Amino acid sequence: LCSLCFNGICGASSFYPKLLHDLLTNSHVITYSACLGQMFVTY
C-alpha cells in the first residue's frame, strides 16, 4: 500500500505542477525533452 501511495504521488506530480504553471500564464508550451519526461513519469 505504501508503494501504491508513493506511485500516486509520482503520478499526480507528473501532471499538477505543469497544469498549475499553465493556468498562471498565457503561453501553454512545453519543450520536447520536458514532454518526453512527463510522458515517462506518467506511463
Full PDB file with SEQRES, HELIX, SHEET, SSBOND, CRYST1, ORIGX, SCALE, CONECT and MASTER records, all heavy atoms in Angstrom:
SEQRES   1 A   43  LEU CYS SER LEU CYS PHE ASN GLY ILE CYS GLY ALA SER          
SEQRES   2 A   43  SER PHE TYR PRO LYS LEU LEU HIS ASP LEU LEU THR ASN          
SEQRES   3 A   43  SER HIS VAL ILE THR TYR SER ALA CYS LEU GLY GLN MET          
SEQRES   4 A   43  PHE VAL THR TYR                                              
HELIX    1 AA1 CYS A    2  SER A   13  1                                  12    
HELIX    2 AA2 TYR A   16  LEU A   23  1                                   8    
HELIX    3 AA3 TYR A   32  THR A   42  1                                  11    
CRYST1    1.000    1.000    1.000  90.00  90.00  90.00 P 1           1          
ORIGX1      1.000000  0.000000  0.000000        0.00000                         
ORIGX2      0.000000  1.000000  0.000000        0.00000                         
ORIGX3      0.000000  0.000000  1.000000        0.00000                         
SCALE1      1.000000  0.000000  0.000000        0.00000                         
SCALE2      0.000000  1.000000  0.000000        0.00000                         
SCALE3      0.000000  0.000000  1.000000        0.00000                         
ATOM      1  N   LEU A   1       0.829  -1.206   0.000  1.00  0.00           N  
ATOM      2  CA  LEU A   1       0.000   0.000   0.000  1.00  0.00           C  
ATOM      3  C   LEU A   1       0.865   1.258   0.000  1.00  0.00           C  
ATOM      4  O   LEU A   1       0.541   2.248  -0.663  1.00  0.00           O  
ATOM      5  CB  LEU A   1      -0.935  -0.012   1.216  1.00  0.00           C  
ATOM      6  CG  LEU A   1      -1.875   1.176   1.354  1.00  0.00           C  
ATOM      7  CD1 LEU A   1      -2.729   1.369   0.109  1.00  0.00           C  
ATOM      8  CD2 LEU A   1      -2.762   1.007   2.589  1.00  0.00           C  
ATOM      9  N   CYS A   2       1.974   1.229   0.745  1.00  0.00           N  
ATOM     10  CA  CYS A   2       2.921   2.350   0.734  1.00  0.00           C  
ATOM     11  C   CYS A   2       3.452   2.587  -0.676  1.00  0.00           C  
ATOM     12  O   CYS A   2       3.560   3.740  -1.134  1.00  0.00           O  
ATOM     13  CB  CYS A   2       4.093   2.071   1.683  1.00  0.00           C  
ATOM     14  SG  CYS A   2       3.777   2.482   3.397  1.00  0.00           S  
ATOM     15  N   SER A   3       3.788   1.505  -1.360  1.00  0.00           N  
ATOM     16  CA  SER A   3       4.274   1.621  -2.734  1.00  0.00           C  
ATOM     17  C   SER A   3       3.206   2.223  -3.631  1.00  0.00           C  
ATOM     18  O   SER A   3       3.503   3.066  -4.498  1.00  0.00           O  
ATOM     19  CB  SER A   3       4.685   0.239  -3.259  1.00  0.00           C  
ATOM     20  OG  SER A   3       5.098   0.299  -4.610  1.00  0.00           O  
ATOM     21  N   LEU A   4       1.957   1.815  -3.426  1.00  0.00           N  
ATOM     22  CA  LEU A   4       0.848   2.348  -4.216  1.00  0.00           C  
ATOM     23  C   LEU A   4       0.670   3.843  -3.974  1.00  0.00           C  
ATOM     24  O   LEU A   4       0.441   4.617  -4.909  1.00  0.00           O  
ATOM     25  CB  LEU A   4      -0.438   1.599  -3.869  1.00  0.00           C  
ATOM     26  CG  LEU A   4      -1.619   1.768  -4.823  1.00  0.00           C  
ATOM     27  CD1 LEU A   4      -1.358   1.033  -6.132  1.00  0.00           C  
ATOM     28  CD2 LEU A   4      -2.898   1.240  -4.173  1.00  0.00           C  
ATOM     29  N   CYS A   5       0.796   4.256  -2.713  1.00  0.00           N  
ATOM     30  CA  CYS A   5       0.648   5.678  -2.375  1.00  0.00           C  
ATOM     31  C   CYS A   5       1.796   6.510  -2.939  1.00  0.00           C  
ATOM     32  O   CYS A   5       1.583   7.620  -3.442  1.00  0.00           O  
ATOM     33  CB  CYS A   5       0.570   5.849  -0.860  1.00  0.00           C  
ATOM     34  SG  CYS A   5      -0.965   5.249  -0.132  1.00  0.00           S  
ATOM     35  N   PHE A   6       3.010   5.998  -2.849  1.00  0.00           N  
ATOM     36  CA  PHE A   6       4.154   6.700  -3.427  1.00  0.00           C  
ATOM     37  C   PHE A   6       3.987   6.848  -4.938  1.00  0.00           C  
ATOM     38  O   PHE A   6       4.285   7.898  -5.514  1.00  0.00           O  
ATOM     39  CB  PHE A   6       5.447   5.944  -3.104  1.00  0.00           C  
ATOM     40  CG  PHE A   6       6.670   6.540  -3.754  1.00  0.00           C  
ATOM     41  CD1 PHE A   6       7.244   7.704  -3.247  1.00  0.00           C  
ATOM     42  CD2 PHE A   6       7.245   5.952  -4.868  1.00  0.00           C  
ATOM     43  CE1 PHE A   6       8.358   8.265  -3.846  1.00  0.00           C  
ATOM     44  CE2 PHE A   6       8.364   6.497  -5.472  1.00  0.00           C  
ATOM     45  CZ  PHE A   6       8.924   7.665  -4.966  1.00  0.00           C  
ATOM     46  N   ASN A   7       3.494   5.790  -5.564  1.00  0.00           N  
ATOM     47  CA  ASN A   7       3.242   5.842  -7.003  1.00  0.00           C  
ATOM     48  C   ASN A   7       2.183   6.889  -7.330  1.00  0.00           C  
ATOM     49  O   ASN A   7       2.263   7.589  -8.346  1.00  0.00           O  
ATOM     50  CB  ASN A   7       2.794   4.465  -7.497  1.00  0.00           C  
ATOM     51  CG  ASN A   7       2.710   4.390  -9.000  1.00  0.00           C  
ATOM     52  OD1 ASN A   7       3.635   4.758  -9.714  1.00  0.00           O  
ATOM     53  ND2 ASN A   7       1.587   3.905  -9.508  1.00  0.00           N  
ATOM     54  N   GLY A   8       1.180   7.008  -6.473  1.00  0.00           N  
ATOM     55  CA  GLY A   8       0.143   8.015  -6.666  1.00  0.00           C  
ATOM     56  C   GLY A   8       0.700   9.428  -6.605  1.00  0.00           C  
ATOM     57  O   GLY A   8       0.291  10.306  -7.386  1.00  0.00           O  
ATOM     58  N   ILE A   9       1.632   9.664  -5.689  1.00  0.00           N  
ATOM     59  CA  ILE A   9       2.275  10.976  -5.602  1.00  0.00           C  
ATOM     60  C   ILE A   9       3.057  11.273  -6.878  1.00  0.00           C  
ATOM     61  O   ILE A   9       3.026  12.386  -7.406  1.00  0.00           O  
ATOM     62  CB  ILE A   9       3.197  11.046  -4.372  1.00  0.00           C  
ATOM     63  CG1 ILE A   9       2.372  10.967  -3.087  1.00  0.00           C  
ATOM     64  CG2 ILE A   9       4.025  12.328  -4.380  1.00  0.00           C  
ATOM     65  CD1 ILE A   9       3.203  10.926  -1.822  1.00  0.00           C  
ATOM     66  N   CYS A  10       3.757  10.252  -7.392  1.00  0.00           N  
ATOM     67  CA  CYS A  10       4.518  10.429  -8.640  1.00  0.00           C  
ATOM     68  C   CYS A  10       3.590  10.754  -9.797  1.00  0.00           C  
ATOM     69  O   CYS A  10       3.876  11.646 -10.609  1.00  0.00           O  
ATOM     70  CB  CYS A  10       5.320   9.159  -8.949  1.00  0.00           C  
ATOM     71  SG  CYS A  10       6.655   8.808  -7.793  1.00  0.00           S  
ATOM     72  N   GLY A  11       2.470  10.035  -9.888  1.00  0.00           N  
ATOM     73  CA  GLY A  11       1.525  10.282 -10.968  1.00  0.00           C  
ATOM     74  C   GLY A  11       0.931  11.673 -10.908  1.00  0.00           C  
ATOM     75  O   GLY A  11       0.861  12.381 -11.919  1.00  0.00           O  
ATOM     76  N   ALA A  12       0.510  12.083  -9.712  1.00  0.00           N  
ATOM     77  CA  ALA A  12      -0.062  13.416  -9.553  1.00  0.00           C  
ATOM     78  C   ALA A  12       0.975  14.499  -9.837  1.00  0.00           C  
ATOM     79  O   ALA A  12       0.665  15.544 -10.429  1.00  0.00           O  
ATOM     80  CB  ALA A  12      -0.630  13.575  -8.138  1.00  0.00           C  
ATOM     81  N   SER A  13       2.219  14.257  -9.443  1.00  0.00           N  
ATOM     82  CA  SER A  13       3.280  15.253  -9.627  1.00  0.00           C  
ATOM     83  C   SER A  13       3.724  15.362 -11.081  1.00  0.00           C  
ATOM     84  O   SER A  13       4.365  16.354 -11.458  1.00  0.00           O  
ATOM     85  CB  SER A  13       4.491  14.895  -8.750  1.00  0.00           C  
ATOM     86  OG  SER A  13       4.139  14.932  -7.374  1.00  0.00           O  
ATOM     87  N   SER A  14       3.393  14.377 -11.901  1.00  0.00           N  
ATOM     88  CA  SER A  14       3.702  14.480 -13.327  1.00  0.00           C  
ATOM     89  C   SER A  14       2.699  15.361 -14.057  1.00  0.00           C  
ATOM     90  O   SER A  14       2.930  15.767 -15.201  1.00  0.00           O  
ATOM     91  CB  SER A  14       3.692  13.079 -13.966  1.00  0.00           C  
ATOM     92  OG  SER A  14       2.366  12.578 -14.082  1.00  0.00           O  
ATOM     93  N   PHE A  15       1.593  15.664 -13.382  1.00  0.00           N  
ATOM     94  CA  PHE A  15       0.500  16.385 -14.030  1.00  0.00           C  
ATOM     95  C   PHE A  15       0.233  17.771 -13.440  1.00  0.00           C  
ATOM     96  O   PHE A  15       0.186  18.780 -14.159  1.00  0.00           O  
ATOM     97  CB  PHE A  15      -0.775  15.527 -13.940  1.00  0.00           C  
ATOM     98  CG  PHE A  15      -2.032  16.241 -14.321  1.00  0.00           C  
ATOM     99  CD1 PHE A  15      -2.262  16.615 -15.639  1.00  0.00           C  
ATOM    100  CD2 PHE A  15      -2.997  16.544 -13.366  1.00  0.00           C  
ATOM    101  CE1 PHE A  15      -3.431  17.282 -15.995  1.00  0.00           C  
ATOM    102  CE2 PHE A  15      -4.161  17.198 -13.706  1.00  0.00           C  
ATOM    103  CZ  PHE A  15      -4.384  17.573 -15.026  1.00  0.00           C  
ATOM    104  N   TYR A  16       0.095  17.849 -12.117  1.00  0.00           N  
ATOM    105  CA  TYR A  16      -0.348  19.094 -11.484  1.00  0.00           C  
ATOM    106  C   TYR A  16       0.611  20.274 -11.630  1.00  0.00           C  
ATOM    107  O   TYR A  16       0.164  21.387 -11.950  1.00  0.00           O  
ATOM    108  CB  TYR A  16      -0.633  18.846  -9.999  1.00  0.00           C  
ATOM    109  CG  TYR A  16      -1.988  18.243  -9.724  1.00  0.00           C  
ATOM    110  CD1 TYR A  16      -2.109  16.935  -9.288  1.00  0.00           C  
ATOM    111  CD2 TYR A  16      -3.145  18.992  -9.896  1.00  0.00           C  
ATOM    112  CE1 TYR A  16      -3.350  16.376  -9.029  1.00  0.00           C  
ATOM    113  CE2 TYR A  16      -4.396  18.440  -9.633  1.00  0.00           C  
ATOM    114  CZ  TYR A  16      -4.492  17.128  -9.197  1.00  0.00           C  
ATOM    115  OH  TYR A  16      -5.717  16.577  -8.946  1.00  0.00           O  
ATOM    116  N   PRO A  17       1.929  20.117 -11.389  1.00  0.00           N  
ATOM    117  CA  PRO A  17       2.811  21.292 -11.476  1.00  0.00           C  
ATOM    118  C   PRO A  17       2.757  21.997 -12.823  1.00  0.00           C  
ATOM    119  O   PRO A  17       2.691  23.233 -12.885  1.00  0.00           O  
ATOM    120  CB  PRO A  17       4.201  20.703 -11.194  1.00  0.00           C  
ATOM    121  CG  PRO A  17       3.936  19.515 -10.349  1.00  0.00           C  
ATOM    122  CD  PRO A  17       2.662  18.934 -10.878  1.00  0.00           C  
ATOM    123  N   LYS A  18       2.774  21.239 -13.906  1.00  0.00           N  
ATOM    124  CA  LYS A  18       2.686  21.839 -15.238  1.00  0.00           C  
ATOM    125  C   LYS A  18       1.331  22.491 -15.455  1.00  0.00           C  
ATOM    126  O   LYS A  18       1.236  23.594 -16.028  1.00  0.00           O  
ATOM    127  CB  LYS A  18       2.951  20.763 -16.299  1.00  0.00           C  
ATOM    128  CG  LYS A  18       2.759  21.217 -17.752  1.00  0.00           C  
ATOM    129  CD  LYS A  18       3.655  22.396 -18.107  1.00  0.00           C  
ATOM    130  CE  LYS A  18       3.455  22.794 -19.563  1.00  0.00           C  
ATOM    131  NZ  LYS A  18       4.131  24.077 -19.879  1.00  0.00           N  
ATOM    132  N   LEU A  19       0.278  21.834 -15.000  1.00  0.00           N  
ATOM    133  CA  LEU A  19      -1.063  22.408 -15.133  1.00  0.00           C  
ATOM    134  C   LEU A  19      -1.175  23.722 -14.364  1.00  0.00           C  
ATOM    135  O   LEU A  19      -1.715  24.713 -14.880  1.00  0.00           O  
ATOM    136  CB  LEU A  19      -2.107  21.411 -14.611  1.00  0.00           C  
ATOM    137  CG  LEU A  19      -3.555  21.929 -14.567  1.00  0.00           C  
ATOM    138  CD1 LEU A  19      -4.079  22.212 -15.973  1.00  0.00           C  
ATOM    139  CD2 LEU A  19      -4.461  20.919 -13.845  1.00  0.00           C  
ATOM    140  N   LEU A  20      -0.671  23.758 -13.136  1.00  0.00           N  
ATOM    141  CA  LEU A  20      -0.725  24.971 -12.326  1.00  0.00           C  
ATOM    142  C   LEU A  20       0.062  26.103 -12.982  1.00  0.00           C  
ATOM    143  O   LEU A  20      -0.375  27.264 -12.970  1.00  0.00           O  
ATOM    144  CB  LEU A  20      -0.180  24.679 -10.921  1.00  0.00           C  
ATOM    145  CG  LEU A  20      -1.029  23.730 -10.061  1.00  0.00           C  
ATOM    146  CD1 LEU A  20      -0.274  23.336  -8.798  1.00  0.00           C  
ATOM    147  CD2 LEU A  20      -2.359  24.390  -9.693  1.00  0.00           C  
ATOM    148  N   HIS A  21       1.207  25.770 -13.546  1.00  0.00           N  
ATOM    149  CA  HIS A  21       2.011  26.777 -14.248  1.00  0.00           C  
ATOM    150  C   HIS A  21       1.256  27.334 -15.444  1.00  0.00           C  
ATOM    151  O   HIS A  21       1.220  28.558 -15.676  1.00  0.00           O  
ATOM    152  CB  HIS A  21       3.336  26.157 -14.693  1.00  0.00           C  
ATOM    153  CG  HIS A  21       4.169  27.066 -15.534  1.00  0.00           C  
ATOM    154  ND1 HIS A  21       4.068  27.090 -16.927  1.00  0.00           N  
ATOM    155  CD2 HIS A  21       5.108  28.007 -15.213  1.00  0.00           C  
ATOM    156  CE1 HIS A  21       4.903  27.989 -17.412  1.00  0.00           C  
ATOM    157  NE2 HIS A  21       5.557  28.552 -16.399  1.00  0.00           N  
ATOM    158  N   ASP A  22       0.615  26.459 -16.221  1.00  0.00           N  
ATOM    159  CA  ASP A  22      -0.100  26.898 -17.419  1.00  0.00           C  
ATOM    160  C   ASP A  22      -1.325  27.744 -17.083  1.00  0.00           C  
ATOM    161  O   ASP A  22      -1.718  28.622 -17.850  1.00  0.00           O  
ATOM    162  CB  ASP A  22      -0.526  25.691 -18.256  1.00  0.00           C  
ATOM    163  CG  ASP A  22       0.645  25.051 -18.975  1.00  0.00           C  
ATOM    164  OD1 ASP A  22       1.730  25.669 -19.013  1.00  0.00           O  
ATOM    165  OD2 ASP A  22       0.485  23.924 -19.493  1.00  0.00           O  
ATOM    166  N   LEU A  23      -1.929  27.479 -15.923  1.00  0.00           N  
ATOM    167  CA  LEU A  23      -3.094  28.264 -15.518  1.00  0.00           C  
ATOM    168  C   LEU A  23      -2.721  29.689 -15.133  1.00  0.00           C  
ATOM    169  O   LEU A  23      -3.581  30.567 -15.074  1.00  0.00           O  
ATOM    170  CB  LEU A  23      -3.814  27.582 -14.347  1.00  0.00           C  
ATOM    171  CG  LEU A  23      -4.596  26.309 -14.702  1.00  0.00           C  
ATOM    172  CD1 LEU A  23      -5.076  25.609 -13.438  1.00  0.00           C  
ATOM    173  CD2 LEU A  23      -5.785  26.636 -15.602  1.00  0.00           C  
ATOM    174  N   LEU A  24      -1.437  29.929 -14.877  1.00  0.00           N  
ATOM    175  CA  LEU A  24      -0.982  31.266 -14.495  1.00  0.00           C  
ATOM    176  C   LEU A  24      -0.338  32.016 -15.653  1.00  0.00           C  
ATOM    177  O   LEU A  24       0.041  33.178 -15.493  1.00  0.00           O  
ATOM    178  CB  LEU A  24       0.024  31.170 -13.342  1.00  0.00           C  
ATOM    179  CG  LEU A  24      -0.515  30.658 -11.998  1.00  0.00           C  
ATOM    180  CD1 LEU A  24       0.612  30.577 -10.982  1.00  0.00           C  
ATOM    181  CD2 LEU A  24      -1.631  31.556 -11.486  1.00  0.00           C  
ATOM    182  N   THR A  25      -0.203  31.362 -16.800  1.00  0.00           N  
ATOM    183  CA  THR A  25       0.450  32.002 -17.942  1.00  0.00           C  
ATOM    184  C   THR A  25      -0.459  31.967 -19.165  1.00  0.00           C  
ATOM    185  O   THR A  25      -1.424  31.190 -19.231  1.00  0.00           O  
ATOM    186  CB  THR A  25       1.778  31.295 -18.293  1.00  0.00           C  
ATOM    187  OG1 THR A  25       1.492  29.932 -18.646  1.00  0.00           O  
ATOM    188  CG2 THR A  25       2.735  31.337 -17.122  1.00  0.00           C  
ATOM    189  N   ASN A  26      -0.138  32.796 -20.134  1.00  0.00           N  
ATOM    190  CA  ASN A  26      -0.894  32.826 -21.383  1.00  0.00           C  
ATOM    191  C   ASN A  26      -0.310  31.902 -22.440  1.00  0.00           C  
ATOM    192  O   ASN A  26      -0.951  31.611 -23.449  1.00  0.00           O  
ATOM    193  CB  ASN A  26      -0.927  34.257 -21.939  1.00  0.00           C  
ATOM    194  CG  ASN A  26      -1.697  35.206 -21.039  1.00  0.00           C  
ATOM    195  OD1 ASN A  26      -2.739  34.842 -20.502  1.00  0.00           O  
ATOM    196  ND2 ASN A  26      -1.180  36.414 -20.850  1.00  0.00           N  
ATOM    197  N   SER A  27       0.915  31.446 -22.220  1.00  0.00           N  
ATOM    198  CA  SER A  27       1.599  30.588 -23.190  1.00  0.00           C  
ATOM    199  C   SER A  27       1.678  29.172 -22.633  1.00  0.00           C  
ATOM    200  O   SER A  27       2.391  28.912 -21.661  1.00  0.00           O  
ATOM    201  CB  SER A  27       3.011  31.119 -23.468  1.00  0.00           C  
ATOM    202  OG  SER A  27       3.691  30.284 -24.370  1.00  0.00           O  
ATOM    203  N   HIS A  28       0.933  28.258 -23.244  1.00  0.00           N  
ATOM    204  CA  HIS A  28       0.878  26.884 -22.769  1.00  0.00           C  
ATOM    205  C   HIS A  28       1.780  26.019 -23.643  1.00  0.00           C  
ATOM    206  O   HIS A  28       1.313  25.330 -24.561  1.00  0.00           O  
ATOM    207  CB  HIS A  28      -0.560  26.370 -22.805  1.00  0.00           C  
ATOM    208  CG  HIS A  28      -1.532  27.282 -22.134  1.00  0.00           C  
ATOM    209  ND1 HIS A  28      -2.800  27.521 -22.609  1.00  0.00           N  
ATOM    210  CD2 HIS A  28      -1.391  28.055 -21.033  1.00  0.00           C  
ATOM    211  CE1 HIS A  28      -3.413  28.381 -21.823  1.00  0.00           C  
ATOM    212  NE2 HIS A  28      -2.572  28.713 -20.855  1.00  0.00           N  
ATOM    213  N   VAL A  29       3.063  26.063 -23.359  1.00  0.00           N  
ATOM    214  CA  VAL A  29       4.037  25.349 -24.175  1.00  0.00           C  
ATOM    215  C   VAL A  29       4.866  24.421 -23.286  1.00  0.00           C  
ATOM    216  O   VAL A  29       4.929  24.596 -22.063  1.00  0.00           O  
ATOM    217  CB  VAL A  29       4.970  26.319 -24.929  1.00  0.00           C  
ATOM    218  CG1 VAL A  29       4.165  27.171 -25.909  1.00  0.00           C  
ATOM    219  CG2 VAL A  29       5.743  27.195 -23.944  1.00  0.00           C  
ATOM    220  N   ILE A  30       5.508  23.442 -23.944  1.00  0.00           N  
ATOM    221  CA  ILE A  30       6.387  22.520 -23.242  1.00  0.00           C  
ATOM    222  C   ILE A  30       7.455  22.056 -24.220  1.00  0.00           C  
ATOM    223  O   ILE A  30       7.165  21.792 -25.389  1.00  0.00           O  
ATOM    224  CB  ILE A  30       5.593  21.309 -22.688  1.00  0.00           C  
ATOM    225  CG1 ILE A  30       6.504  20.396 -21.858  1.00  0.00           C  
ATOM    226  CG2 ILE A  30       4.907  20.528 -23.798  1.00  0.00           C  
ATOM    227  CD1 ILE A  30       5.739  19.325 -21.087  1.00  0.00           C  
ATOM    228  N   THR A  31       8.690  22.003 -23.758  1.00  0.00           N  
ATOM    229  CA  THR A  31       9.783  21.592 -24.633  1.00  0.00           C  
ATOM    230  C   THR A  31       9.691  20.099 -24.943  1.00  0.00           C  
ATOM    231  O   THR A  31       8.997  19.348 -24.237  1.00  0.00           O  
ATOM    232  CB  THR A  31      11.144  21.892 -23.987  1.00  0.00           C  
ATOM    233  OG1 THR A  31      11.279  21.112 -22.788  1.00  0.00           O  
ATOM    234  CG2 THR A  31      11.276  23.375 -23.654  1.00  0.00           C  
ATOM    235  N   TYR A  32      10.398  19.694 -25.971  1.00  0.00           N  
ATOM    236  CA  TYR A  32      10.380  18.290 -26.395  1.00  0.00           C  
ATOM    237  C   TYR A  32      10.882  17.372 -25.278  1.00  0.00           C  
ATOM    238  O   TYR A  32      10.264  16.351 -24.969  1.00  0.00           O  
ATOM    239  CB  TYR A  32      11.241  18.135 -27.653  1.00  0.00           C  
ATOM    240  CG  TYR A  32      11.333  16.717 -28.162  1.00  0.00           C  
ATOM    241  CD1 TYR A  32      10.276  16.143 -28.866  1.00  0.00           C  
ATOM    242  CD2 TYR A  32      12.483  15.955 -27.952  1.00  0.00           C  
ATOM    243  CE1 TYR A  32      10.362  14.844 -29.333  1.00  0.00           C  
ATOM    244  CE2 TYR A  32      12.580  14.666 -28.429  1.00  0.00           C  
ATOM    245  CZ  TYR A  32      11.516  14.107 -29.120  1.00  0.00           C  
ATOM    246  OH  TYR A  32      11.597  12.821 -29.583  1.00  0.00           O  
ATOM    247  N   SER A  33      11.997  17.740 -24.656  1.00  0.00           N  
ATOM    248  CA  SER A  33      12.566  16.904 -23.582  1.00  0.00           C  
ATOM    249  C   SER A  33      11.643  16.863 -22.369  1.00  0.00           C  
ATOM    250  O   SER A  33      11.483  15.810 -21.736  1.00  0.00           O  
ATOM    251  CB  SER A  33      13.953  17.416 -23.186  1.00  0.00           C  
ATOM    252  OG  SER A  33      13.893  18.762 -22.764  1.00  0.00           O  
ATOM    253  N   ALA A  34      11.032  18.003 -22.038  1.00  0.00           N  
ATOM    254  CA  ALA A  34      10.110  18.037 -20.899  1.00  0.00           C  
ATOM    255  C   ALA A  34       8.874  17.200 -21.190  1.00  0.00           C  
ATOM    256  O   ALA A  34       8.324  16.547 -20.292  1.00  0.00           O  
ATOM    257  CB  ALA A  34       9.716  19.471 -20.585  1.00  0.00           C  
ATOM    258  N   CYS A  35       8.424  17.206 -22.433  1.00  0.00           N  
ATOM    259  CA  CYS A  35       7.266  16.406 -22.833  1.00  0.00           C  
ATOM    260  C   CYS A  35       7.569  14.923 -22.687  1.00  0.00           C  
ATOM    261  O   CYS A  35       6.765  14.159 -22.145  1.00  0.00           O  
ATOM    262  CB  CYS A  35       6.876  16.740 -24.275  1.00  0.00           C  
ATOM    263  SG  CYS A  35       5.392  15.899 -24.863  1.00  0.00           S  
ATOM    264  N   LEU A  36       8.743  14.504 -23.162  1.00  0.00           N  
ATOM    265  CA  LEU A  36       9.141  13.101 -23.004  1.00  0.00           C  
ATOM    266  C   LEU A  36       9.264  12.733 -21.529  1.00  0.00           C  
ATOM    267  O   LEU A  36       8.893  11.628 -21.115  1.00  0.00           O  
ATOM    268  CB  LEU A  36      10.462  12.844 -23.726  1.00  0.00           C  
ATOM    269  CG  LEU A  36      10.449  12.851 -25.256  1.00  0.00           C  
ATOM    270  CD1 LEU A  36      11.845  12.540 -25.796  1.00  0.00           C  
ATOM    271  CD2 LEU A  36       9.441  11.858 -25.809  1.00  0.00           C  
ATOM    272  N   GLY A  37       9.803  13.657 -20.727  1.00  0.00           N  
ATOM    273  CA  GLY A  37       9.929  13.409 -19.295  1.00  0.00           C  
ATOM    274  C   GLY A  37       8.569  13.242 -18.631  1.00  0.00           C  
ATOM    275  O   GLY A  37       8.376  12.345 -17.794  1.00  0.00           O  
ATOM    276  N   GLN A  38       7.622  14.111 -18.979  1.00  0.00           N  
ATOM    277  CA  GLN A  38       6.280  13.999 -18.425  1.00  0.00           C  
ATOM    278  C   GLN A  38       5.630  12.679 -18.835  1.00  0.00           C  
ATOM    279  O   GLN A  38       4.993  12.005 -18.015  1.00  0.00           O  
ATOM    280  CB  GLN A  38       5.410  15.164 -18.891  1.00  0.00           C  
ATOM    281  CG  GLN A  38       4.022  15.185 -18.248  1.00  0.00           C  
ATOM    282  CD  GLN A  38       3.183  16.360 -18.711  1.00  0.00           C  
ATOM    283  OE1 GLN A  38       3.001  16.569 -19.908  1.00  0.00           O  
ATOM    284  NE2 GLN A  38       2.664  17.127 -17.761  1.00  0.00           N  
ATOM    285  N   MET A  39       5.805  12.303 -20.086  1.00  0.00           N  
ATOM    286  CA  MET A  39       5.277  11.031 -20.566  1.00  0.00           C  
ATOM    287  C   MET A  39       5.893   9.857 -19.816  1.00  0.00           C  
ATOM    288  O   MET A  39       5.185   8.912 -19.434  1.00  0.00           O  
ATOM    289  CB  MET A  39       5.538  10.889 -22.073  1.00  0.00           C  
ATOM    290  CG  MET A  39       4.657  11.732 -22.955  1.00  0.00           C  
ATOM    291  SD  MET A  39       5.282  11.863 -24.654  1.00  0.00           S  
ATOM    292  CE  MET A  39       5.798  10.192 -24.989  1.00  0.00           C  
ATOM    293  N   PHE A  40       7.201   9.905 -19.581  1.00  0.00           N  
ATOM    294  CA  PHE A  40       7.882   8.800 -18.905  1.00  0.00           C  
ATOM    295  C   PHE A  40       7.328   8.603 -17.496  1.00  0.00           C  
ATOM    296  O   PHE A  40       7.019   7.478 -17.088  1.00  0.00           O  
ATOM    297  CB  PHE A  40       9.384   9.059 -18.846  1.00  0.00           C  
ATOM    298  CG  PHE A  40      10.167   7.936 -18.233  1.00  0.00           C  
ATOM    299  CD1 PHE A  40      10.575   6.864 -19.015  1.00  0.00           C  
ATOM    300  CD2 PHE A  40      10.476   7.927 -16.884  1.00  0.00           C  
ATOM    301  CE1 PHE A  40      11.288   5.803 -18.456  1.00  0.00           C  
ATOM    302  CE2 PHE A  40      11.184   6.884 -16.317  1.00  0.00           C  
ATOM    303  CZ  PHE A  40      11.584   5.808 -17.101  1.00  0.00           C  
ATOM    304  N   VAL A  41       7.193   9.698 -16.750  1.00  0.00           N  
ATOM    305  CA  VAL A  41       6.679   9.594 -15.374  1.00  0.00           C  
ATOM    306  C   VAL A  41       5.225   9.147 -15.374  1.00  0.00           C  
ATOM    307  O   VAL A  41       4.811   8.303 -14.569  1.00  0.00           O  
ATOM    308  CB  VAL A  41       6.838  10.939 -14.632  1.00  0.00           C  
ATOM    309  CG1 VAL A  41       6.254  10.837 -13.228  1.00  0.00           C  
ATOM    310  CG2 VAL A  41       8.300  11.347 -14.562  1.00  0.00           C  
ATOM    311  N   THR A  42       4.430   9.697 -16.296  1.00  0.00           N  
ATOM    312  CA  THR A  42       3.011   9.365 -16.359  1.00  0.00           C  
ATOM    313  C   THR A  42       2.784   7.885 -16.647  1.00  0.00           C  
ATOM    314  O   THR A  42       2.003   7.210 -15.958  1.00  0.00           O  
ATOM    315  CB  THR A  42       2.301  10.205 -17.439  1.00  0.00           C  
ATOM    316  OG1 THR A  42       2.425  11.586 -17.121  1.00  0.00           O  
ATOM    317  CG2 THR A  42       0.828   9.851 -17.527  1.00  0.00           C  
ATOM    318  N   TYR A  43       3.485   7.359 -17.661  1.00  0.00           N  
ATOM    319  CA  TYR A  43       3.274   5.959 -18.018  1.00  0.00           C  
ATOM    320  C   TYR A  43       3.935   5.003 -17.034  1.00  0.00           C  
ATOM    321  O   TYR A  43       3.455   3.875 -16.851  1.00  0.00           O  
ATOM    322  CB  TYR A  43       3.757   5.709 -19.450  1.00  0.00           C  
ATOM    323  CG  TYR A  43       2.816   6.316 -20.472  1.00  0.00           C  
ATOM    324  CD1 TYR A  43       3.110   7.530 -21.082  1.00  0.00           C  
ATOM    325  CD2 TYR A  43       1.618   5.700 -20.784  1.00  0.00           C  
ATOM    326  CE1 TYR A  43       2.233   8.115 -21.989  1.00  0.00           C  
ATOM    327  CE2 TYR A  43       0.737   6.267 -21.696  1.00  0.00           C  
ATOM    328  CZ  TYR A  43       1.054   7.472 -22.297  1.00  0.00           C  
ATOM    329  OH  TYR A  43       0.171   8.041 -23.187  1.00  0.00           O  
TER     330      TYR A  43                                                      
MASTER        0    0    0    3    0    0    0    6  329    1    0    4          
END                                                                             
